[in-house]
């Protein structure tokens, strides 16, 4: 017997259910977590026999094994993840670790769930709870809690650090630090930003504002770079007053939108560094009586489900978030199985999703320089 297996009875021969023991007499209806002792009592066998059945060990007749498995299924018994890892050195569980459950991470989780089906693995999501004081470094703390005892490997969603080392593979989705030694799945932030701003320029907009992301994040830096490169490619000079920090957060994005729309010569279009920021721009435009897209065109980035439900429906740059979660788990499972992986740095293409929040520049608005409060300059 392996040291970590539970075997309380050193019997040597096959055991059959005890006819003198009334199944369930000792336990009644299980309340709370079902234990191995309750399974044994319900099946009329020893705990040792239940352990042998669970571990596939010799010494149990086929009839008894079938009977015990039936009781296990009926009671809903499940070995704890910690016990399973001690016994088998694996839990057959992978973890998806996120800083918070927000639209982006939720879509990643959907993709992870798609990939896990039929794999024989289970999925557990673990959140840092969006604590402000843990913007950086939360990955190390939470990996140390779950890796090896609760999960065999992990997917880190938008990690702030990637210099992590643990007993098991780790895959990063859209890491804030950009490419690293960790296997990585990300969208093409640079190309996507250029695509979005090119769309606005193609509609005749030349004063294009941007609600930027967090300056410490590579994804935000690449999106701002794409904004600038699109201007340069069109022969337009970037007015630095048209960039306002939004930090990828709704309230900060509202502040940024009010700042841009209060300029003496406000933008006729605004590019939000993510959909959350762009939706905040729509809200500020509505509170100021601006028509979108008549007075102001707005475009976002991500294509989270909320973007299609915005009023008006938000034009956005789609990075395949759900596919990112799917591909990250597929990559992680391959690493767990020891398969040779040709490319561990995956960059997925972005596409433009046109809805109702962008339109050609209004000649009347451009001619009058209409302010956010409706005044005319």
Protein backbone atom coordinates (compact mmCIF):
# COMPACT_ATOMS: atom_id res chain seq x y z
CA UNK A 1 0.00 0.00 0.00
CA UNK A 2 1.26 3.46 -0.83
CA UNK A 3 1.82 5.59 2.27
CA UNK A 4 -0.78 8.14 1.21
CA UNK A 5 -3.59 5.60 0.70
CA UNK A 6 -6.20 5.14 3.39
CA UNK A 7 -6.35 1.51 4.53
CA UNK A 8 -7.56 0.92 8.06
CA UNK A 9 -8.09 -2.86 7.80
CA UNK A 10 -5.19 -5.18 6.91
CA UNK A 11 -7.44 -7.89 5.44
CA UNK A 12 -5.96 -10.11 2.75
CA UNK A 13 -8.96 -11.76 1.11
CA UNK A 14 -11.86 -10.43 -0.93
CA UNK A 15 -14.58 -8.81 1.12
CA UNK A 16 -18.28 -9.03 0.42
CA UNK A 17 -20.94 -6.84 2.00
CA UNK A 18 -21.75 -7.88 5.57
CA UNK A 19 -25.30 -9.31 5.52
CA UNK A 20 -25.66 -8.60 9.22
CA UNK A 21 -24.93 -4.90 8.78
CA UNK A 22 -27.89 -2.81 7.72
CA UNK A 23 -26.74 -0.39 5.00
CA UNK A 24 -26.99 3.19 6.12
CA UNK A 25 -27.77 2.30 9.72
CA UNK A 26 -24.65 3.99 11.08
CA UNK A 27 -24.92 7.06 8.92
CA UNK A 28 -28.53 7.69 7.99
CA UNK A 29 -28.88 10.21 5.20
CA UNK A 30 -25.50 11.90 4.63
CA UNK A 31 -25.41 15.53 5.72
CA UNK A 32 -22.66 17.81 4.40
CA UNK A 33 -19.57 16.30 2.81
CA UNK A 34 -19.81 12.55 2.35
CA UNK A 35 -16.90 10.67 3.96
CA UNK A 36 -15.29 7.34 3.15
CA UNK A 37 -16.59 6.04 6.50
CA UNK A 38 -20.15 6.85 5.45
CA UNK A 39 -19.66 5.05 2.14
CA UNK A 40 -18.34 1.99 3.99
CA UNK A 41 -21.26 1.98 6.42
CA UNK A 42 -23.82 2.42 3.66
CA UNK A 43 -22.24 -0.36 1.56
CA UNK A 44 -21.83 -2.70 4.55
CA UNK A 45 -18.07 -3.09 4.03
CA UNK A 46 -14.91 -1.85 5.73
CA UNK A 47 -13.21 1.47 5.03
CA UNK A 48 -10.27 -0.59 3.75
CA UNK A 49 -12.46 -2.10 1.06
CA UNK A 50 -13.74 1.30 -0.06
CA UNK A 51 -10.13 2.48 -0.26
CA UNK A 52 -9.15 -0.53 -2.38
CA UNK A 53 -12.06 0.06 -4.74
CA UNK A 54 -11.17 3.72 -5.14
CA UNK A 55 -7.50 2.93 -5.75
CA UNK A 56 -8.13 -0.06 -8.03
CA UNK A 57 -6.22 -2.41 -5.74
CA UNK A 58 -6.48 -6.21 -5.51
CA UNK A 59 -8.46 -8.07 -2.88
CA UNK A 60 -12.02 -7.02 -3.73
CA UNK A 61 -14.39 -9.18 -5.73
CA UNK A 62 -15.96 -7.72 -8.88
CA UNK A 63 -19.43 -7.92 -7.32
CA UNK A 64 -18.33 -6.06 -4.20
CA UNK A 65 -16.46 -3.48 -6.26
CA UNK A 66 -19.56 -2.85 -8.36
CA UNK A 67 -21.71 -2.59 -5.23
CA UNK A 68 -19.36 -0.09 -3.57
CA UNK A 69 -19.12 2.03 -6.73
CA UNK A 70 -22.90 2.15 -6.84
CA UNK A 71 -23.01 3.47 -3.27
CA UNK A 72 -20.27 6.01 -4.06
CA UNK A 73 -22.28 7.29 -7.02
CA UNK A 74 -25.55 7.38 -5.09
CA UNK A 75 -24.10 9.25 -2.11
CA UNK A 76 -22.04 11.60 -4.26
CA UNK A 77 -18.75 10.78 -2.55
CA UNK A 78 -15.69 12.59 -3.92
CA UNK A 79 -12.16 12.39 -2.54
CA UNK A 80 -10.77 15.77 -1.49
CA UNK A 81 -8.37 17.40 -3.94
CA UNK A 82 -5.63 17.40 -1.32
CA UNK A 83 -6.08 13.68 -0.61
CA UNK A 84 -6.20 12.95 -4.33
CA UNK A 85 -2.95 14.82 -4.91
CA UNK A 86 -1.22 13.00 -2.06
CA UNK A 87 -2.37 9.65 -3.37
CA UNK A 88 -1.78 10.09 -7.11
CA UNK A 89 0.61 13.04 -7.27
CA UNK A 90 -2.05 14.63 -9.49
CA UNK A 91 -5.45 16.17 -8.90
CA UNK A 92 -6.66 16.22 -12.53
CA UNK A 93 -7.71 19.79 -11.86
CA UNK A 94 -6.41 22.93 -13.53
CA UNK A 95 -6.83 26.41 -12.13
CA UNK A 96 -7.67 29.69 -13.81
CA UNK A 97 -6.38 32.54 -11.66
CA UNK A 98 -7.76 36.03 -12.19
CA UNK A 99 -7.29 39.35 -10.44
CA UNK A 100 -11.06 39.90 -10.51
CA UNK A 101 -14.18 38.57 -12.21
CA UNK A 102 -14.84 41.27 -14.80
CA UNK A 103 -15.99 41.03 -18.45
CA UNK A 104 -12.58 40.09 -19.89
CA UNK A 105 -11.74 37.36 -17.37
CA UNK A 106 -15.29 36.00 -17.55
CA UNK A 107 -14.94 35.46 -21.30
CA UNK A 108 -11.55 33.79 -20.77
CA UNK A 109 -13.21 31.41 -18.29
CA UNK A 110 -15.89 30.51 -20.85
CA UNK A 111 -13.18 29.54 -23.31
CA UNK A 112 -11.35 27.55 -20.65
CA UNK A 113 -14.57 25.66 -19.92
CA UNK A 114 -14.97 24.92 -23.64
CA UNK A 115 -11.50 23.37 -23.77
CA UNK A 116 -11.78 21.30 -20.60
CA UNK A 117 -14.79 19.29 -21.76
CA UNK A 118 -13.92 15.67 -22.43
CA UNK A 119 -10.34 16.08 -21.22
CA UNK A 120 -10.76 14.18 -17.96
CA UNK A 121 -9.74 17.32 -16.06
CA UNK A 122 -11.79 19.62 -13.90
CA UNK A 123 -11.60 23.40 -13.77
CA UNK A 124 -11.46 25.69 -10.75
CA UNK A 125 -11.45 29.51 -10.90
CA UNK A 126 -9.57 31.47 -8.24
CA UNK A 127 -9.88 35.22 -7.82
CA UNK A 128 -7.71 37.72 -6.02
CA UNK A 129 -10.92 39.64 -5.39
CA UNK A 130 -9.87 42.77 -7.26
CA UNK A 131 -8.08 44.13 -4.21
CA UNK A 132 -6.54 47.51 -5.02
CA UNK A 133 -3.50 46.80 -2.86
CA UNK A 134 -2.73 43.68 -4.89
CA UNK A 135 -2.50 45.15 -8.40
CA UNK A 136 1.03 43.73 -8.72
CA UNK A 137 2.32 40.36 -7.56
CA UNK A 138 -0.94 38.64 -6.67
CA UNK A 139 0.01 35.74 -8.95
CA UNK A 140 2.86 34.49 -6.76
CA UNK A 141 0.73 34.49 -3.61
CA UNK A 142 -2.21 32.65 -5.12
CA UNK A 143 -0.14 30.16 -7.12
CA UNK A 144 1.63 29.17 -3.90
CA UNK A 145 -1.75 28.38 -2.34
CA UNK A 146 -3.14 26.15 -5.06
CA UNK A 147 -0.30 24.70 -7.15
CA UNK A 148 0.54 21.09 -6.42
CA UNK A 149 -2.15 20.46 -3.82
CA UNK A 150 -5.33 21.77 -5.50
CA UNK A 151 -4.32 22.04 -9.16
CA UNK A 152 -1.80 20.41 -11.50
CA UNK A 153 -1.29 23.52 -13.61
CA UNK A 154 -2.65 27.02 -13.94
CA UNK A 155 -3.72 29.68 -16.40
CA UNK A 156 -2.93 33.23 -15.25
CA UNK A 157 -5.28 35.84 -16.72
CA UNK A 158 -3.63 39.24 -17.35
CA UNK A 159 -0.85 38.59 -14.83
CA UNK A 160 1.22 41.55 -13.67
CA UNK A 161 4.35 39.43 -13.20
CA UNK A 162 5.48 36.33 -15.07
CA UNK A 163 8.71 35.40 -13.29
CA UNK A 164 6.97 32.59 -11.43
CA UNK A 165 8.36 29.11 -10.78
CA UNK A 166 6.18 26.30 -9.45
CA UNK A 167 5.89 22.54 -9.63
CA UNK A 168 3.65 22.47 -12.66
CA UNK A 169 3.10 24.28 -15.95
CA UNK A 170 1.70 27.81 -16.04
CA UNK A 171 0.26 29.60 -19.09
CA UNK A 172 -0.32 33.37 -19.18
CA UNK A 173 -3.22 35.03 -21.01
CA UNK A 174 -2.56 38.62 -22.15
CA UNK A 175 0.20 39.25 -19.58
CA UNK A 176 0.67 42.87 -18.59
CA UNK A 177 4.42 42.52 -19.09
CA UNK A 178 4.16 41.36 -22.69
CA UNK A 179 6.03 38.30 -23.94
CA UNK A 180 7.98 36.36 -21.34
CA UNK A 181 9.52 32.96 -20.75
CA UNK A 182 6.07 31.69 -19.73
CA UNK A 183 3.91 30.14 -22.43
CA UNK A 184 1.60 32.97 -23.50
CA UNK A 185 -1.65 33.53 -25.38
CA UNK A 186 -2.52 37.13 -26.29
CA UNK A 187 -4.38 39.21 -28.84
CA UNK A 188 -2.62 41.50 -31.30
CA UNK A 189 -3.00 44.76 -29.36
CA UNK A 190 -0.93 46.88 -31.75
CA UNK A 191 -2.65 45.76 -34.93
CA UNK A 192 -6.05 45.98 -33.27
CA UNK A 193 -5.57 49.58 -32.16
CA UNK A 194 -4.44 50.59 -35.62
CA UNK A 195 -7.47 48.85 -37.07
CA UNK A 196 -9.84 50.79 -34.81
CA UNK A 197 -8.27 54.20 -35.38
CA UNK A 198 -7.97 53.55 -39.14
CA UNK A 199 -11.73 52.95 -39.12
CA UNK A 200 -12.34 56.37 -37.55
CA UNK A 201 -9.91 58.09 -39.93
CA UNK A 202 -11.65 56.39 -42.84
CA UNK A 203 -14.91 57.96 -41.66
CA UNK A 204 -13.32 61.41 -41.98
CA UNK A 205 -12.41 62.00 -38.33
CA UNK A 206 -9.17 63.89 -37.75
CA UNK A 207 -9.63 64.95 -34.11
CA UNK A 208 -9.69 61.56 -32.45
CA UNK A 209 -9.46 61.34 -28.69
CA UNK A 210 -8.22 58.33 -26.77
CA UNK A 211 -9.10 57.14 -23.28
CA UNK A 212 -5.90 55.25 -22.53
CA UNK A 213 -5.32 52.21 -20.31
CA UNK A 214 -2.96 51.68 -17.40
CA UNK A 215 0.46 53.05 -18.37
CA UNK A 216 2.30 50.20 -16.64
CA UNK A 217 0.64 47.53 -18.79
CA UNK A 218 2.15 46.44 -22.10
CA UNK A 219 -1.30 45.87 -23.60
CA UNK A 220 -2.21 49.50 -22.90
CA UNK A 221 1.12 50.72 -24.24
CA UNK A 222 0.66 48.79 -27.48
CA UNK A 223 -2.85 50.16 -27.98
CA UNK A 224 -1.63 53.72 -27.53
CA UNK A 225 1.22 53.01 -29.91
CA UNK A 226 -1.28 51.71 -32.46
CA UNK A 227 -3.30 54.91 -32.05
CA UNK A 228 -0.19 56.98 -32.78
CA UNK A 229 0.94 54.82 -35.69
CA UNK A 230 -2.46 55.07 -37.36
CA UNK A 231 -2.25 58.87 -37.15
CA UNK A 232 1.26 58.89 -38.58
CA UNK A 233 0.30 56.58 -41.43
CA UNK A 234 -2.54 58.96 -42.35
CA UNK A 235 -0.28 62.03 -42.17
CA UNK A 236 -2.04 63.34 -39.03
CA UNK A 237 -0.30 64.93 -36.05
CA UNK A 238 -1.35 63.65 -32.63
CA UNK A 239 -2.68 66.40 -30.35
CA UNK A 240 -1.50 65.33 -26.89
CA UNK A 241 -4.52 67.08 -25.33
CA UNK A 242 -6.66 64.39 -26.96
CA UNK A 243 -5.21 61.61 -24.80
CA UNK A 244 -6.68 61.18 -21.32
CA UNK A 245 -5.89 58.38 -18.82
CA UNK A 246 -8.67 55.87 -18.21
CA UNK A 247 -6.73 53.05 -16.49
CA UNK A 248 -9.08 50.42 -17.98
CA UNK A 249 -11.54 51.34 -15.18
CA UNK A 250 -15.08 52.69 -15.60
CA UNK A 251 -14.96 55.65 -13.19
CA UNK A 252 -11.55 56.84 -14.32
CA UNK A 253 -12.73 56.54 -17.93
CA UNK A 254 -15.72 58.77 -17.14
CA UNK A 255 -13.35 61.40 -15.79
CA UNK A 256 -11.26 61.12 -18.94
CA UNK A 257 -14.32 61.41 -21.19
CA UNK A 258 -15.50 64.57 -19.41
CA UNK A 259 -12.00 66.02 -19.78
CA UNK A 260 -11.93 65.35 -23.54
CA UNK A 261 -15.45 66.60 -24.20
CA UNK A 262 -14.80 69.83 -22.27
CA UNK A 263 -11.91 70.85 -24.53
CA UNK A 264 -12.35 74.13 -26.49
CA UNK A 265 -12.14 72.01 -29.63
CA UNK A 266 -13.43 68.59 -28.54
CA UNK A 267 -12.82 65.41 -30.52
CA UNK A 268 -15.37 64.19 -33.03
CA UNK A 269 -14.45 60.59 -32.21
CA UNK A 270 -13.02 58.77 -29.19
CA UNK A 271 -11.15 55.47 -29.05
CA UNK A 272 -11.52 53.66 -25.72
CA UNK A 273 -8.58 51.43 -24.80
CA UNK A 274 -11.08 48.78 -23.75
CA UNK A 275 -14.84 48.33 -24.03
CA UNK A 276 -15.39 49.31 -20.40
CA UNK A 277 -13.79 52.69 -21.14
CA UNK A 278 -15.73 53.16 -24.36
CA UNK A 279 -19.04 52.36 -22.65
CA UNK A 280 -18.16 54.99 -20.03
CA UNK A 281 -17.65 57.48 -22.88
CA UNK A 282 -21.13 56.62 -24.19
CA UNK A 283 -22.59 57.30 -20.74
CA UNK A 284 -20.86 60.68 -20.44
CA UNK A 285 -21.96 61.64 -23.96
CA UNK A 286 -25.56 60.80 -23.06
CA UNK A 287 -25.48 62.82 -19.86
CA UNK A 288 -24.23 65.81 -21.85
CA UNK A 289 -26.89 65.53 -24.51
CA UNK A 290 -24.57 64.43 -27.30
CA UNK A 291 -25.86 62.18 -30.03
CA UNK A 292 -23.75 59.10 -30.75
CA UNK A 293 -22.77 58.76 -33.53
CA UNK A 294 -24.23 62.03 -34.88
CA UNK A 295 -22.12 64.33 -32.69
CA UNK A 296 -19.50 61.86 -31.52
CA UNK A 297 -18.25 58.47 -32.77
CA UNK A 298 -17.03 56.00 -30.15
CA UNK A 299 -15.09 52.77 -30.58
CA UNK A 300 -13.84 50.27 -28.00
CA UNK A 301 -11.50 47.30 -27.76
CA UNK A 302 -12.20 43.67 -26.68
CA UNK A 303 -15.78 42.97 -27.84
CA UNK A 304 -17.03 41.77 -24.47
CA UNK A 305 -20.76 40.84 -24.48
CA UNK A 306 -21.68 44.16 -22.82
CA UNK A 307 -20.49 46.05 -25.90
CA UNK A 308 -23.36 44.69 -28.01
CA UNK A 309 -25.86 45.68 -25.29
CA UNK A 310 -24.65 49.28 -24.97
CA UNK A 311 -26.78 52.16 -26.26
CA UNK A 312 -26.01 52.55 -29.05
CA UNK A 313 -24.40 49.17 -29.71
CA UNK A 314 -20.66 49.72 -29.54
CA UNK A 315 -18.37 49.45 -32.53
CA UNK A 316 -15.26 47.73 -31.23
CA UNK A 317 -12.08 45.86 -32.02
CA UNK A 318 -12.55 42.21 -31.20
CA UNK A 319 -9.76 40.22 -29.72
CA UNK A 320 -10.94 36.61 -29.50
CA UNK A 321 -11.06 36.50 -25.70
CA UNK A 322 -12.99 33.27 -25.45
CA UNK A 323 -10.62 31.60 -27.91
CA UNK A 324 -7.68 32.92 -25.86
CA UNK A 325 -9.02 31.06 -22.84
CA UNK A 326 -9.63 27.96 -24.93
CA UNK A 327 -6.17 27.94 -26.50
CA UNK A 328 -4.49 28.61 -23.16
CA UNK A 329 -6.09 25.51 -21.63
CA UNK A 330 -5.29 23.39 -24.71
CA UNK A 331 -1.66 24.51 -24.40
CA UNK A 332 -1.64 23.80 -20.65
CA UNK A 333 -3.08 20.30 -21.11
CA UNK A 334 -0.42 19.55 -23.73
CA UNK A 335 2.30 20.66 -21.33
CA UNK A 336 0.80 18.53 -18.54
CA UNK A 337 0.86 15.49 -20.83
CA UNK A 338 4.49 16.16 -21.73
CA UNK A 339 3.70 16.75 -25.40
CA UNK A 340 6.15 18.63 -27.59
CA UNK A 341 4.68 22.08 -28.30
CA UNK A 342 6.04 23.86 -31.36
CA UNK A 343 5.00 27.37 -30.36
CA UNK A 344 4.34 28.51 -26.80
CA UNK A 345 3.95 32.20 -27.70
CA UNK A 346 0.57 32.56 -29.42
CA UNK A 347 -0.69 35.89 -30.78
CA UNK A 348 -4.26 35.80 -32.07
CA UNK A 349 -5.53 38.26 -34.69
CA UNK A 350 -7.98 41.07 -33.96
CA UNK A 351 -10.91 42.14 -36.13
CA UNK A 352 -13.18 45.17 -36.44
CA UNK A 353 -16.81 44.73 -35.34
CA UNK A 354 -18.93 47.56 -36.76
CA UNK A 355 -22.09 48.44 -34.91
CA UNK A 356 -23.98 51.70 -34.37
CA UNK A 357 -21.60 53.94 -32.39
CA UNK A 358 -19.47 55.16 -35.30
CA UNK A 359 -20.43 57.16 -38.39
CA UNK A 360 -18.89 59.63 -40.86
CA UNK A 361 -17.86 62.92 -39.27
CA UNK A 362 -20.79 65.32 -39.08
CA UNK A 363 -20.03 68.33 -41.27
CA UNK A 364 -22.20 70.58 -39.11
CA UNK A 365 -20.49 69.51 -35.88
CA UNK A 366 -17.07 69.94 -37.47
CA UNK A 367 -17.99 73.37 -38.79
CA UNK A 368 -19.41 74.70 -35.52
CA UNK A 369 -17.00 73.00 -33.10
CA UNK A 370 -19.89 72.01 -30.88
CA UNK A 371 -19.03 71.66 -27.17
CA UNK A 372 -20.13 68.85 -24.95
CA UNK A 373 -22.62 71.16 -23.27
CA UNK A 374 -24.21 72.03 -26.60
CA UNK A 375 -22.65 75.50 -26.91
CA UNK A 376 -21.18 76.67 -30.21
CA UNK A 377 -17.72 78.11 -30.49
